[in-house]
Amino acid sequence: MEQIYKYIEQHATPESEALKWVTKQTHIRTNHARMLSGSIQGQLMRMLVQMTGAKDILELGTFTGYSAICMGSALPEDGHLDTLELNDELEDLILEGFERAGLSEVISLHIGDCKESVRKLAAEGKMYDIVYMDANKREYCEYYDLVFDMVRPGGLILADNVIWDGKVCQDPLPQDKQTLGIARFNDMVSKDRRVESVIIPLRDGLNIIRKK
């Protein structure tokens, strides 16, 4: 599989210099570089923004800003992205990445508890064409309920890590809270008649959910 991904990367649109910088700095300055979206998923997300004509995006879980840059770079001139991150120690790295990508005016970083930040944005009447979920896996069901009415009809909810290293497929199901949270979320979405969805086995699984 690693050889296949390497081949795909070699034949996809290359990363921008800003994304290369974010990748390098993430490896140098954090212990969780595996959390990066990576060039293949990043390019897919960029293309989803372009294909849907999205103007307003909400991201739950910024990490070091890689996916925000991918999506933000595809927005039209009047587009905007709100991204939420709990870890304030990453703020300087994130903001420098946005600046290097020329997206400081396009992306707003909100530091704090994800659910509280979503509630504040909802109170402001914010609506979105795409919501990308990549925060605490234990709380995916809660995030889904919080953001659902903030997504315009025809909009997308993208949920990352929904295969969870294959744990959601195991029998018996592992009982750790993150696996249980992802499994509950996948079951909930599959039964939700307000949406249509498909899980793509890219990296750790990406659930593409379209609101009817």
C-alpha atoms as a PDB file:
ATOM      1  CA  MET A   1       0.000   0.000   0.000  1.00  0.00           C
ATOM      2  CA  GLU A   2       2.857   2.391   0.793  1.00  0.00           C
ATOM      3  CA  GLN A   3       4.234   1.871  -2.715  1.00  0.00           C
ATOM      4  CA  ILE A   4       0.819   2.646  -4.211  1.00  0.00           C
ATOM      5  CA  TYR A   5       0.479   5.888  -2.236  1.00  0.00           C
ATOM      6  CA  LYS A   6       3.974   6.923  -3.274  1.00  0.00           C
ATOM      7  CA  TYR A   7       3.057   6.340  -6.919  1.00  0.00           C
ATOM      8  CA  ILE A   8      -0.168   8.345  -6.529  1.00  0.00           C
ATOM      9  CA  GLU A   9       1.715  11.233  -4.909  1.00  0.00           C
ATOM     10  CA  GLN A  10       4.196  11.270  -7.785  1.00  0.00           C
ATOM     11  CA  HIS A  11       1.370  11.576 -10.304  1.00  0.00           C
ATOM     12  CA  ALA A  12      -0.784  14.150  -8.533  1.00  0.00           C
ATOM     13  CA  THR A  13      -0.524  17.937  -8.524  1.00  0.00           C
ATOM     14  CA  PRO A  14       2.513  18.725  -6.332  1.00  0.00           C
ATOM     15  CA  GLU A  15       2.313  20.480  -2.979  1.00  0.00           C
ATOM     16  CA  SER A  16       2.735  24.240  -2.833  1.00  0.00           C
ATOM     17  CA  GLU A  17       5.803  25.672  -1.122  1.00  0.00           C
ATOM     18  CA  ALA A  18       3.621  26.701   1.832  1.00  0.00           C
ATOM     19  CA  LEU A  19       2.364  23.131   2.268  1.00  0.00           C
ATOM     20  CA  LYS A  20       5.902  21.774   2.062  1.00  0.00           C
ATOM     21  CA  TRP A  21       6.882  24.237   4.804  1.00  0.00           C
ATOM     22  CA  VAL A  22       3.947  23.168   7.007  1.00  0.00           C
ATOM     23  CA  THR A  23       4.859  19.509   6.531  1.00  0.00           C
ATOM     24  CA  LYS A  24       8.489  20.121   7.459  1.00  0.00           C
ATOM     25  CA  GLN A  25       7.655  22.262  10.475  1.00  0.00           C
ATOM     26  CA  THR A  26       5.092  19.733  11.692  1.00  0.00           C
ATOM     27  CA  HIS A  27       7.770  17.037  11.718  1.00  0.00           C
ATOM     28  CA  ILE A  28      10.242  19.341  13.473  1.00  0.00           C
ATOM     29  CA  ARG A  29       7.966  21.007  16.010  1.00  0.00           C
ATOM     30  CA  THR A  30       5.366  18.355  16.918  1.00  0.00           C
ATOM     31  CA  ASN A  31       5.319  14.689  17.866  1.00  0.00           C
ATOM     32  CA  HIS A  32       2.234  13.904  15.801  1.00  0.00           C
ATOM     33  CA  ALA A  33       3.208  14.393  12.154  1.00  0.00           C
ATOM     34  CA  ARG A  34       1.107  11.344  11.213  1.00  0.00           C
ATOM     35  CA  MET A  35      -1.947  13.557  11.858  1.00  0.00           C
ATOM     36  CA  LEU A  36      -1.215  15.612   8.735  1.00  0.00           C
ATOM     37  CA  SER A  37      -3.805  15.228   5.989  1.00  0.00           C
ATOM     38  CA  GLY A  38      -1.046  14.700   3.438  1.00  0.00           C
ATOM     39  CA  SER A  39      -0.814  15.655  -0.216  1.00  0.00           C
ATOM     40  CA  ILE A  40      -3.280  13.097  -1.643  1.00  0.00           C
ATOM     41  CA  GLN A  41      -6.138  13.863   0.737  1.00  0.00           C
ATOM     42  CA  GLY A  42      -5.263  17.542   0.653  1.00  0.00           C
ATOM     43  CA  GLN A  43      -5.561  17.640  -3.133  1.00  0.00           C
ATOM     44  CA  LEU A  44      -8.890  15.789  -2.973  1.00  0.00           C
ATOM     45  CA  MET A  45     -10.255  18.299  -0.489  1.00  0.00           C
ATOM     46  CA  ARG A  46      -9.013  21.186  -2.594  1.00  0.00           C
ATOM     47  CA  MET A  47     -10.800  19.740  -5.622  1.00  0.00           C
ATOM     48  CA  LEU A  48     -14.023  19.171  -3.635  1.00  0.00           C
ATOM     49  CA  VAL A  49     -14.039  22.879  -2.786  1.00  0.00           C
ATOM     50  CA  GLN A  50     -13.532  23.774  -6.439  1.00  0.00           C
ATOM     51  CA  MET A  51     -16.097  21.297  -7.774  1.00  0.00           C
ATOM     52  CA  THR A  52     -18.818  22.319  -5.319  1.00  0.00           C
ATOM     53  CA  GLY A  53     -18.183  26.034  -5.693  1.00  0.00           C
ATOM     54  CA  ALA A  54     -18.014  26.355  -1.909  1.00  0.00           C
ATOM     55  CA  LYS A  55     -17.590  29.856  -0.500  1.00  0.00           C
ATOM     56  CA  ASP A  56     -17.864  29.219   3.247  1.00  0.00           C
ATOM     57  CA  ILE A  57     -16.010  26.414   5.044  1.00  0.00           C
ATOM     58  CA  LEU A  58     -15.801  25.346   8.682  1.00  0.00           C
ATOM     59  CA  GLU A  59     -12.976  23.110   9.894  1.00  0.00           C
ATOM     60  CA  LEU A  60     -13.060  21.338  13.255  1.00  0.00           C
ATOM     61  CA  GLY A  61      -9.466  20.568  14.200  1.00  0.00           C
ATOM     62  CA  THR A  62      -6.762  22.685  12.552  1.00  0.00           C
ATOM     63  CA  PHE A  63      -3.674  20.838  13.845  1.00  0.00           C
ATOM     64  CA  THR A  64      -0.859  22.671  11.983  1.00  0.00           C
ATOM     65  CA  GLY A  65      -3.026  24.094   9.199  1.00  0.00           C
ATOM     66  CA  TYR A  66      -2.299  21.777   6.272  1.00  0.00           C
ATOM     67  CA  SER A  67      -5.899  20.940   5.368  1.00  0.00           C
ATOM     68  CA  ALA A  68      -7.042  24.521   5.982  1.00  0.00           C
ATOM     69  CA  ILE A  69      -4.488  25.751   3.454  1.00  0.00           C
ATOM     70  CA  CYS A  70      -5.572  23.110   0.932  1.00  0.00           C
ATOM     71  CA  MET A  71      -9.229  24.116   1.174  1.00  0.00           C
ATOM     72  CA  GLY A  72      -8.629  27.834   1.641  1.00  0.00           C
ATOM     73  CA  SER A  73      -6.478  28.044  -1.474  1.00  0.00           C
ATOM     74  CA  ALA A  74      -9.411  26.795  -3.572  1.00  0.00           C
ATOM     75  CA  LEU A  75     -11.917  29.363  -2.326  1.00  0.00           C
ATOM     76  CA  PRO A  76     -13.136  32.189  -4.595  1.00  0.00           C
ATOM     77  CA  GLU A  77     -12.164  35.786  -3.818  1.00  0.00           C
ATOM     78  CA  ASP A  78     -15.210  36.280  -1.602  1.00  0.00           C
ATOM     79  CA  GLY A  79     -14.759  32.949   0.199  1.00  0.00           C
ATOM     80  CA  HIS A  80     -13.841  32.410   3.843  1.00  0.00           C
ATOM     81  CA  LEU A  81     -12.787  29.549   6.112  1.00  0.00           C
ATOM     82  CA  ASP A  82     -13.212  29.323   9.886  1.00  0.00           C
ATOM     83  CA  THR A  83     -10.910  26.791  11.516  1.00  0.00           C
ATOM     84  CA  LEU A  84     -11.085  25.669  15.160  1.00  0.00           C
ATOM     85  CA  GLU A  85      -8.155  24.408  17.243  1.00  0.00           C
ATOM     86  CA  LEU A  86      -7.877  23.590  20.946  1.00  0.00           C
ATOM     87  CA  ASN A  87      -4.073  23.600  21.265  1.00  0.00           C
ATOM     88  CA  ASP A  88      -2.893  27.207  21.582  1.00  0.00           C
ATOM     89  CA  GLU A  89       0.752  26.071  21.450  1.00  0.00           C
ATOM     90  CA  LEU A  90       0.287  25.512  17.702  1.00  0.00           C
ATOM     91  CA  GLU A  91      -1.039  29.013  17.016  1.00  0.00           C
ATOM     92  CA  ASP A  92       2.222  30.596  15.842  1.00  0.00           C
ATOM     93  CA  LEU A  93       2.999  27.725  13.471  1.00  0.00           C
ATOM     94  CA  ILE A  94      -0.531  27.747  12.065  1.00  0.00           C
ATOM     95  CA  LEU A  95      -0.632  31.488  11.463  1.00  0.00           C
ATOM     96  CA  GLU A  96       2.796  31.535   9.811  1.00  0.00           C
ATOM     97  CA  GLY A  97       1.659  28.788   7.470  1.00  0.00           C
ATOM     98  CA  PHE A  98      -1.430  30.792   6.526  1.00  0.00           C
ATOM     99  CA  GLU A  99       0.750  33.843   5.892  1.00  0.00           C
ATOM    100  CA  ARG A 100       3.166  31.888   3.706  1.00  0.00           C
ATOM    101  CA  ALA A 101       0.204  30.599   1.711  1.00  0.00           C
ATOM    102  CA  GLY A 102      -1.163  34.134   1.288  1.00  0.00           C
ATOM    103  CA  LEU A 103      -4.340  33.178   3.142  1.00  0.00           C
ATOM    104  CA  SER A 104      -4.183  35.283   6.301  1.00  0.00           C
ATOM    105  CA  GLU A 105      -7.231  37.278   5.185  1.00  0.00           C
ATOM    106  CA  VAL A 106      -9.086  34.191   3.979  1.00  0.00           C
ATOM    107  CA  ILE A 107      -8.787  31.932   7.019  1.00  0.00           C
ATOM    108  CA  SER A 108      -9.810  32.813  10.590  1.00  0.00           C
ATOM    109  CA  LEU A 109      -8.260  30.733  13.367  1.00  0.00           C
ATOM    110  CA  HIS A 110     -10.373  30.239  16.503  1.00  0.00           C
ATOM    111  CA  ILE A 111      -8.471  28.874  19.513  1.00  0.00           C
ATOM    112  CA  GLY A 112     -10.541  27.143  22.193  1.00  0.00           C
ATOM    113  CA  ASP A 113     -12.928  24.281  22.877  1.00  0.00           C
ATOM    114  CA  CYS A 114     -14.354  23.045  19.592  1.00  0.00           C
ATOM    115  CA  LYS A 115     -17.972  22.701  20.690  1.00  0.00           C
ATOM    116  CA  GLU A 116     -17.992  26.103  22.360  1.00  0.00           C
ATOM    117  CA  SER A 117     -16.523  27.694  19.234  1.00  0.00           C
ATOM    118  CA  VAL A 118     -19.154  26.044  17.035  1.00  0.00           C
ATOM    119  CA  ARG A 119     -21.923  27.316  19.285  1.00  0.00           C
ATOM    120  CA  LYS A 120     -20.528  30.860  19.056  1.00  0.00           C
ATOM    121  CA  LEU A 121     -20.416  30.692  15.261  1.00  0.00           C
ATOM    122  CA  ALA A 122     -23.953  29.298  15.191  1.00  0.00           C
ATOM    123  CA  ALA A 123     -25.130  32.176  17.397  1.00  0.00           C
ATOM    124  CA  GLU A 124     -23.634  34.561  14.840  1.00  0.00           C
ATOM    125  CA  GLY A 125     -25.793  32.951  12.164  1.00  0.00           C
ATOM    126  CA  LYS A 126     -22.885  31.432  10.264  1.00  0.00           C
ATOM    127  CA  MET A 127     -23.746  29.005   7.457  1.00  0.00           C
ATOM    128  CA  TYR A 128     -21.351  26.780   5.529  1.00  0.00           C
ATOM    129  CA  ASP A 129     -21.056  24.912   2.251  1.00  0.00           C
ATOM    130  CA  ILE A 130     -18.490  22.456   3.632  1.00  0.00           C
ATOM    131  CA  VAL A 131     -17.721  21.342   7.192  1.00  0.00           C
ATOM    132  CA  TYR A 132     -14.575  19.281   7.703  1.00  0.00           C
ATOM    133  CA  MET A 133     -14.432  17.296  10.959  1.00  0.00           C
ATOM    134  CA  ASP A 134     -10.999  16.213  12.216  1.00  0.00           C
ATOM    135  CA  ALA A 135     -11.116  16.925  15.948  1.00  0.00           C
ATOM    136  CA  ASN A 136     -11.782  14.690  18.977  1.00  0.00           C
ATOM    137  CA  LYS A 137     -13.018  11.368  17.611  1.00  0.00           C
ATOM    138  CA  ARG A 138     -14.969  10.656  20.781  1.00  0.00           C
ATOM    139  CA  GLU A 139     -17.192  13.659  20.046  1.00  0.00           C
ATOM    140  CA  TYR A 140     -17.943  13.192  16.332  1.00  0.00           C
ATOM    141  CA  CYS A 141     -21.642  12.504  16.997  1.00  0.00           C
ATOM    142  CA  GLU A 142     -21.930  15.706  19.013  1.00  0.00           C
ATOM    143  CA  TYR A 143     -20.097  17.703  16.353  1.00  0.00           C
ATOM    144  CA  TYR A 144     -22.424  16.319  13.685  1.00  0.00           C
ATOM    145  CA  ASP A 145     -25.502  17.378  15.609  1.00  0.00           C
ATOM    146  CA  LEU A 146     -24.046  20.826  16.308  1.00  0.00           C
ATOM    147  CA  VAL A 147     -23.052  21.649  12.736  1.00  0.00           C
ATOM    148  CA  PHE A 148     -25.864  19.974  10.803  1.00  0.00           C
ATOM    149  CA  ASP A 149     -28.200  22.987  10.724  1.00  0.00           C
ATOM    150  CA  MET A 150     -25.229  25.210   9.820  1.00  0.00           C
ATOM    151  CA  VAL A 151     -24.696  23.319   6.555  1.00  0.00           C
ATOM    152  CA  ARG A 152     -26.600  24.589   3.542  1.00  0.00           C
ATOM    153  CA  PRO A 153     -28.760  22.096   1.593  1.00  0.00           C
ATOM    154  CA  GLY A 154     -26.517  20.353  -0.915  1.00  0.00           C
ATOM    155  CA  GLY A 155     -23.484  21.067   1.257  1.00  0.00           C
ATOM    156  CA  LEU A 156     -20.915  18.569   2.479  1.00  0.00           C
ATOM    157  CA  ILE A 157     -19.757  17.288   5.840  1.00  0.00           C
ATOM    158  CA  LEU A 158     -16.358  15.616   5.529  1.00  0.00           C
ATOM    159  CA  ALA A 159     -15.344  13.406   8.455  1.00  0.00           C
ATOM    160  CA  ASP A 160     -11.757  12.176   8.706  1.00  0.00           C
ATOM    161  CA  ASN A 161     -10.336   9.027  10.361  1.00  0.00           C
ATOM    162  CA  VAL A 162     -13.593   7.083  10.148  1.00  0.00           C
ATOM    163  CA  ILE A 163     -11.859   3.727   9.557  1.00  0.00           C
ATOM    164  CA  TRP A 164      -9.651   4.378  12.579  1.00  0.00           C
ATOM    165  CA  ASP A 165      -6.792   2.067  11.664  1.00  0.00           C
ATOM    166  CA  GLY A 166      -9.315  -0.690  10.912  1.00  0.00           C
ATOM    167  CA  LYS A 167     -10.545  -0.851  14.494  1.00  0.00           C
ATOM    168  CA  VAL A 168     -14.168  -0.079  13.543  1.00  0.00           C
ATOM    169  CA  CYS A 169     -14.192  -3.301  11.484  1.00  0.00           C
ATOM    170  CA  GLN A 170     -12.958  -5.566  14.261  1.00  0.00           C
ATOM    171  CA  ASP A 171     -15.177  -8.149  15.934  1.00  0.00           C
ATOM    172  CA  PRO A 172     -15.456  -7.776  18.828  1.00  0.00           C
ATOM    173  CA  LEU A 173     -15.261  -4.009  18.571  1.00  0.00           C
ATOM    174  CA  PRO A 174     -12.492  -2.484  20.730  1.00  0.00           C
ATOM    175  CA  GLN A 175     -14.006  -0.646  23.686  1.00  0.00           C
ATOM    176  CA  ASP A 176     -11.744   2.410  23.828  1.00  0.00           C
ATOM    177  CA  LYS A 177     -13.678   5.674  23.684  1.00  0.00           C
ATOM    178  CA  GLN A 178     -12.253   6.868  20.361  1.00  0.00           C
ATOM    179  CA  THR A 179     -13.120   3.671  18.495  1.00  0.00           C
ATOM    180  CA  LEU A 180     -16.586   3.631  20.043  1.00  0.00           C
ATOM    181  CA  GLY A 181     -17.083   7.291  19.104  1.00  0.00           C
ATOM    182  CA  ILE A 182     -16.151   6.713  15.467  1.00  0.00           C
ATOM    183  CA  ALA A 183     -18.253   3.531  15.238  1.00  0.00           C
ATOM    184  CA  ARG A 184     -21.304   5.323  16.667  1.00  0.00           C
ATOM    185  CA  PHE A 185     -20.778   8.179  14.246  1.00  0.00           C
ATOM    186  CA  ASN A 186     -20.531   5.925  11.187  1.00  0.00           C
ATOM    187  CA  ASP A 187     -23.687   4.074  12.256  1.00  0.00           C
ATOM    188  CA  MET A 188     -25.533   7.325  12.884  1.00  0.00           C
ATOM    189  CA  VAL A 189     -24.666   8.769   9.476  1.00  0.00           C
ATOM    190  CA  SER A 190     -25.584   5.568   7.624  1.00  0.00           C
ATOM    191  CA  LYS A 191     -29.062   5.699   9.195  1.00  0.00           C
ATOM    192  CA  ASP A 192     -29.615   9.441   8.692  1.00  0.00           C
ATOM    193  CA  ARG A 193     -32.104   9.842   5.847  1.00  0.00           C
ATOM    194  CA  ARG A 194     -31.359  13.565   5.633  1.00  0.00           C
ATOM    195  CA  VAL A 195     -28.049  12.788   3.953  1.00  0.00           C
ATOM    196  CA  GLU A 196     -26.304  10.501   1.488  1.00  0.00           C
ATOM    197  CA  SER A 197     -22.779   9.336   2.246  1.00  0.00           C
ATOM    198  CA  VAL A 198     -19.834   7.237   1.166  1.00  0.00           C
ATOM    199  CA  ILE A 199     -16.655   6.295   3.027  1.00  0.00           C
ATOM    200  CA  ILE A 200     -13.518   6.491   0.907  1.00  0.00           C
ATOM    201  CA  PRO A 201     -10.671   4.233   2.137  1.00  0.00           C
ATOM    202  CA  LEU A 202      -8.119   7.024   1.733  1.00  0.00           C
ATOM    203  CA  ARG A 203      -5.482   7.109   4.478  1.00  0.00           C
ATOM    204  CA  ASP A 204      -7.543   6.447   7.624  1.00  0.00           C
ATOM    205  CA  GLY A 205     -10.933   6.785   5.947  1.00  0.00           C
ATOM    206  CA  LEU A 206     -12.829   9.886   4.789  1.00  0.00           C
ATOM    207  CA  ASN A 207     -16.629   9.957   5.065  1.00  0.00           C
ATOM    208  CA  ILE A 208     -18.122  12.264   2.440  1.00  0.00           C
ATOM    209  CA  ILE A 209     -21.602  13.232   3.574  1.00  0.00           C
ATOM    210  CA  ARG A 210     -23.957  15.283   1.389  1.00  0.00           C
ATOM    211  CA  LYS A 211     -26.895  17.064   3.000  1.00  0.00           C
ATOM    212  CA  LYS A 212     -30.014  16.652   0.881  1.00  0.00           C
END
